Protein backbone atom coordinates (compact mmCIF):
# COMPACT_ATOMS: atom_id res chain seq x y z
CA MET A 1 3.19 -23.67 63.75
CA GLN A 2 2.49 -20.36 62.00
CA THR A 3 -1.20 -20.62 62.90
CA SER A 4 -0.29 -21.11 66.57
CA ARG A 5 1.92 -18.04 66.45
CA ILE A 6 -0.89 -15.94 64.96
CA ILE A 7 -3.32 -17.16 67.63
CA ASN A 8 -0.82 -16.39 70.40
CA ASN A 9 -0.32 -12.89 68.99
CA ILE A 10 -4.07 -12.22 68.85
CA VAL A 11 -4.59 -13.47 72.41
CA SER A 12 -1.65 -11.38 73.64
CA TRP A 13 -3.01 -8.22 71.97
CA ALA A 14 -6.44 -8.89 73.47
CA GLU A 15 -5.01 -9.34 76.96
CA GLU A 16 -3.16 -6.03 76.66
CA GLU A 17 -6.42 -4.26 75.78
CA GLY A 18 -8.70 -6.24 78.08
CA ALA A 19 -10.76 -7.47 75.12
CA THR A 20 -13.16 -10.38 75.56
CA GLY A 21 -14.15 -10.69 71.90
CA VAL A 22 -12.35 -10.71 68.56
CA ALA A 23 -13.36 -9.86 64.99
CA ILE A 24 -11.52 -11.23 61.95
CA LEU A 25 -12.15 -8.94 58.98
CA GLY A 26 -11.84 -11.54 56.26
CA ASP A 27 -9.25 -13.73 54.53
CA VAL A 28 -9.05 -16.18 57.40
CA LYS A 29 -6.93 -18.27 55.06
CA HIS A 30 -5.03 -17.05 52.01
CA GLU A 31 -5.40 -20.09 49.74
CA LEU A 32 -8.23 -20.02 47.21
CA PRO A 33 -9.75 -22.56 46.98
CA TYR A 34 -8.98 -24.34 50.26
CA PRO A 35 -6.74 -27.41 50.08
CA PHE A 36 -7.68 -30.13 52.56
CA GLU A 37 -4.84 -29.25 54.97
CA SER A 38 -5.96 -25.62 55.09
CA LEU A 39 -9.52 -26.63 55.97
CA ASN A 40 -8.23 -28.46 59.03
CA GLU A 41 -5.96 -25.54 59.90
CA VAL A 42 -8.80 -23.04 59.63
CA LYS A 43 -11.00 -25.25 61.81
CA ALA A 44 -8.27 -25.44 64.46
CA PHE A 45 -7.76 -21.67 64.24
CA ILE A 46 -11.45 -20.93 64.80
CA GLU A 47 -11.69 -23.43 67.66
CA ALA A 48 -8.67 -21.85 69.36
CA LEU A 49 -10.21 -18.39 69.07
CA ALA A 50 -13.51 -19.67 70.47
CA LYS A 51 -11.67 -21.16 73.43
CA ASN A 52 -9.95 -17.85 74.26
CA PHE A 53 -12.75 -15.35 73.56
CA GLU A 54 -16.35 -14.98 74.64
CA GLU A 55 -17.34 -13.85 71.14
CA VAL A 56 -15.70 -14.55 67.78
CA VAL A 57 -16.93 -12.57 64.77
CA LEU A 58 -15.78 -13.77 61.35
CA ILE A 59 -16.40 -11.61 58.30
CA ALA A 60 -15.94 -13.48 55.04
CA GLY A 61 -13.26 -12.22 52.66
CA ASN A 62 -12.65 -12.87 48.99
CA HIS A 63 -10.32 -15.78 49.90
CA ASP A 64 -12.84 -17.41 52.22
CA GLY A 65 -14.80 -19.74 49.99
CA GLY A 66 -15.87 -22.74 52.06
CA LEU A 67 -15.62 -20.87 55.36
CA GLU A 68 -19.34 -21.33 56.06
CA GLN A 69 -18.93 -25.11 55.98
CA VAL A 70 -15.94 -24.93 58.33
CA VAL A 71 -17.85 -22.76 60.81
CA GLY A 72 -20.73 -25.23 60.60
CA LYS A 73 -18.41 -28.11 61.49
CA VAL A 74 -17.01 -26.14 64.43
CA GLY A 75 -20.59 -25.70 65.67
CA LEU A 76 -19.85 -23.31 68.54
CA SER A 77 -22.45 -20.76 69.63
CA ASN A 78 -19.89 -18.01 70.29
CA VAL A 79 -18.66 -18.07 66.67
CA LYS A 80 -20.66 -15.92 64.23
CA LEU A 81 -20.03 -15.64 60.48
CA TYR A 82 -21.12 -12.62 58.39
CA ASP A 83 -20.76 -11.94 54.68
CA SER A 84 -18.14 -9.52 53.36
CA ARG A 85 -20.48 -6.51 53.73
CA GLY A 86 -20.01 -6.93 57.46
CA LEU A 87 -22.07 -5.68 60.38
CA VAL A 88 -22.69 -2.52 62.38
CA VAL A 89 -21.42 -2.43 65.97
CA ASN A 90 -20.89 0.17 68.67
CA ILE A 91 -17.21 0.90 69.42
CA ASN A 92 -16.66 3.31 72.28
CA GLY A 93 -19.91 5.08 71.51
CA ARG A 94 -19.32 5.28 67.76
CA SER A 95 -21.56 3.49 65.29
CA THR A 96 -19.07 1.45 63.28
CA LEU A 97 -19.30 -0.76 60.21
CA MET A 98 -16.84 -3.67 60.32
CA MET A 99 -16.34 -5.20 56.87
CA HIS A 100 -13.79 -6.91 54.64
CA GLY A 101 -13.47 -4.23 51.98
CA ASN A 102 -13.82 -6.10 48.69
CA SER A 103 -17.60 -5.63 48.43
CA LYS A 104 -19.80 -2.57 48.64
CA PRO A 105 -21.52 -2.22 52.03
CA ASN A 106 -25.25 -2.19 52.55
CA PRO A 107 -26.33 1.43 51.82
CA GLU A 108 -28.43 1.59 54.98
CA ASP A 109 -25.49 0.44 57.07
CA LEU A 110 -23.31 3.18 55.61
CA ARG A 111 -26.03 5.74 56.24
CA VAL A 112 -26.10 5.17 60.01
CA VAL A 113 -22.38 4.83 60.79
CA ASP A 114 -19.67 7.42 61.25
CA MET A 115 -16.77 4.97 61.07
CA VAL A 116 -15.79 2.05 58.83
CA VAL A 117 -13.14 -0.49 59.82
CA MET A 118 -11.94 -2.82 57.06
CA GLY A 119 -9.14 -5.14 55.98
CA HIS A 120 -8.53 -6.60 52.50
CA THR A 121 -5.90 -4.18 51.14
CA HIS A 122 -3.05 -5.13 53.53
CA PRO A 123 -1.47 -1.66 53.91
CA ALA A 124 2.24 -1.39 54.66
CA ILE A 125 4.87 1.35 54.59
CA VAL A 126 8.53 1.33 53.54
CA ILE A 127 10.83 2.82 56.17
CA GLU A 128 14.50 3.78 55.78
CA ASP A 129 16.63 4.42 58.86
CA GLU A 130 19.57 6.81 59.25
CA HIS A 131 21.98 4.11 58.07
CA GLY A 132 20.10 3.54 54.83
CA PHE A 133 18.59 0.21 55.83
CA VAL A 134 15.14 -0.27 54.30
CA THR A 135 12.31 -2.34 55.76
CA LYS A 136 8.60 -2.70 55.03
CA ARG A 137 6.26 -2.66 58.02
CA PRO A 138 2.51 -3.33 58.32
CA ALA A 139 0.58 -0.06 58.64
CA ILE A 140 -2.79 1.21 59.80
CA LEU A 141 -4.51 3.87 57.71
CA LYS A 142 -7.01 6.41 59.02
CA ILE A 143 -8.79 8.32 56.27
CA ARG A 144 -11.27 11.16 56.73
CA VAL A 145 -13.73 11.25 53.83
CA ASP A 146 -16.91 13.12 52.94
CA LYS A 147 -19.66 10.51 53.32
CA GLY A 148 -21.92 12.14 50.75
CA GLU A 149 -19.26 12.26 48.04
CA PHE A 150 -17.97 8.78 48.86
CA SER A 151 -21.44 7.21 48.80
CA GLU A 152 -22.33 8.95 45.54
CA ARG A 153 -19.29 7.41 43.85
CA LEU A 154 -20.06 4.08 45.53
CA PHE A 155 -23.82 3.80 44.91
CA GLY A 156 -24.63 6.56 42.42
CA GLU A 157 -26.57 8.45 45.12
CA ARG A 158 -25.73 10.28 48.32
CA VAL A 159 -26.27 8.12 51.40
CA GLY A 160 -25.86 10.30 54.46
CA GLU A 161 -23.76 13.41 54.98
CA GLY A 162 -20.88 14.58 57.15
CA GLU A 163 -17.41 13.21 57.78
CA LEU A 164 -16.78 9.47 57.71
CA THR A 165 -13.68 7.97 59.32
CA MET A 166 -12.26 4.92 57.57
CA VAL A 167 -9.70 2.70 59.30
CA ILE A 168 -7.84 0.16 57.16
CA LEU A 169 -6.11 -2.55 59.15
CA PRO A 170 -3.07 -4.56 58.03
CA THR A 171 -2.83 -8.32 57.92
CA ALA A 172 -2.30 -10.10 61.24
CA ASN A 173 -0.16 -12.71 59.49
CA HIS A 174 3.51 -11.87 60.06
CA LEU A 175 4.43 -13.74 56.85
CA THR A 176 2.34 -11.37 54.71
CA VAL A 177 3.55 -7.81 55.29
CA GLY A 178 1.43 -6.05 52.67
CA VAL A 179 1.79 -3.43 49.93
CA ASP A 180 3.48 -0.03 50.23
CA VAL A 181 0.72 2.59 50.42
CA ALA A 182 3.15 5.38 49.51
CA SER A 183 3.32 3.91 46.01
CA THR A 184 -0.09 2.23 45.60
CA LEU A 185 -2.47 4.88 46.97
CA THR A 186 -0.81 8.07 45.78
CA GLU A 187 -1.75 7.56 42.12
CA ALA A 188 -5.17 6.92 40.59
CA PHE A 189 -6.07 3.24 40.31
CA GLU A 190 -9.03 1.22 39.08
CA ALA A 191 -8.67 -1.90 41.25
CA PRO A 192 -12.16 -3.43 41.01
CA ARG A 193 -12.13 -5.40 44.24
CA THR A 194 -11.59 -2.74 46.88
CA ILE A 195 -13.93 0.02 47.98
CA LEU A 196 -10.88 2.26 48.40
CA ARG A 197 -11.15 3.05 44.70
CA TYR A 198 -14.33 5.00 45.57
CA VAL A 199 -12.50 6.87 48.34
CA GLU A 200 -10.01 8.17 45.73
CA PRO A 201 -7.22 8.55 48.32
CA TRP A 202 -4.86 10.05 45.74
CA ARG A 203 -7.05 13.18 45.79
CA ILE A 204 -7.00 13.58 49.58
CA LEU A 205 -3.49 12.53 50.62
CA ASP A 206 -3.48 15.13 53.39
CA LYS A 207 -6.40 13.27 54.98
CA VAL A 208 -4.74 9.84 54.90
CA GLU A 209 -2.96 9.27 58.22
CA VAL A 210 -0.41 6.45 58.48
CA TYR A 211 0.39 4.59 61.71
CA LEU A 212 2.54 1.63 62.62
CA THR A 213 0.79 -1.22 64.43
CA ASP A 214 2.01 0.11 67.80
CA LEU A 215 0.10 3.31 66.87
CA THR A 216 3.26 5.32 66.18
CA TYR A 217 2.07 8.17 63.95
CA LEU A 218 4.19 8.54 60.80
CA GLY A 219 2.32 11.44 59.19
CA THR A 220 -0.13 11.99 56.38
CA LEU A 221 0.45 10.36 53.02
CA ASP A 222 1.22 13.63 51.22
CA VAL A 223 4.12 14.32 53.61
CA ILE A 224 5.37 10.73 53.42
CA ARG A 225 5.32 10.83 49.62
CA ARG A 226 7.22 14.14 49.57
CA ILE A 227 9.88 12.83 51.95
CA SER A 228 10.23 9.65 49.87
CA ALA A 229 10.68 11.71 46.70
CA GLU A 230 13.26 13.97 48.35
CA ARG A 231 15.18 10.94 49.62
CA ALA A 232 15.14 9.39 46.15
CA ASP A 233 16.47 12.63 44.63
CA PHE A 234 19.24 12.77 47.25
CA ASP A 235 20.22 9.13 46.68
CA SER A 236 20.51 9.75 42.93
CA MET A 237 22.96 12.63 43.35
């Protein structure tokens, strides 16, 4: 039932945008390894996407062991599977690397793109309304980074120059909201399985833009952190 709801949501979003293809940026299924029921569910999920879209791009995530075998059993020509390093595509005239985000990209791919779109970290934001009710909502992050500095931390050498735009998408599963970026990205961390550690977002909070999934702009992370701190101080009075 939950899988059907996710599929319906994806198809609805695509219809709103006039999209004929869909890309899943990893973690098609959360369980690791796959139980038998999940294998069947993943197969049904992929088949449903293939029925509704001309092209289905699947990028393997760190929870996607066994996905290659499932795609092989589906056996549909409009379903393509790529490893977690992803692939380079053209999005509205911009050379873009679509990837999962747990593995380092191919250096040559990073060299030629000016935008990276990834998943993996499941960003979310905690929101408090005027009545004091608190909720956590999935969020989209847009981070402007220096490609040379980022690639040097990532590979030990500079791969390209100029500004690189990174877009981090939330989970599409309504049962998995994500983690609050106002608390997880504002302090230094050494998480080994996300390339965001090489972005060092805690050093450039003014360049980390936060949006809700309807593209409502909430502000940059430095402002959001300051407001959260001020609210906490007020609540403690």
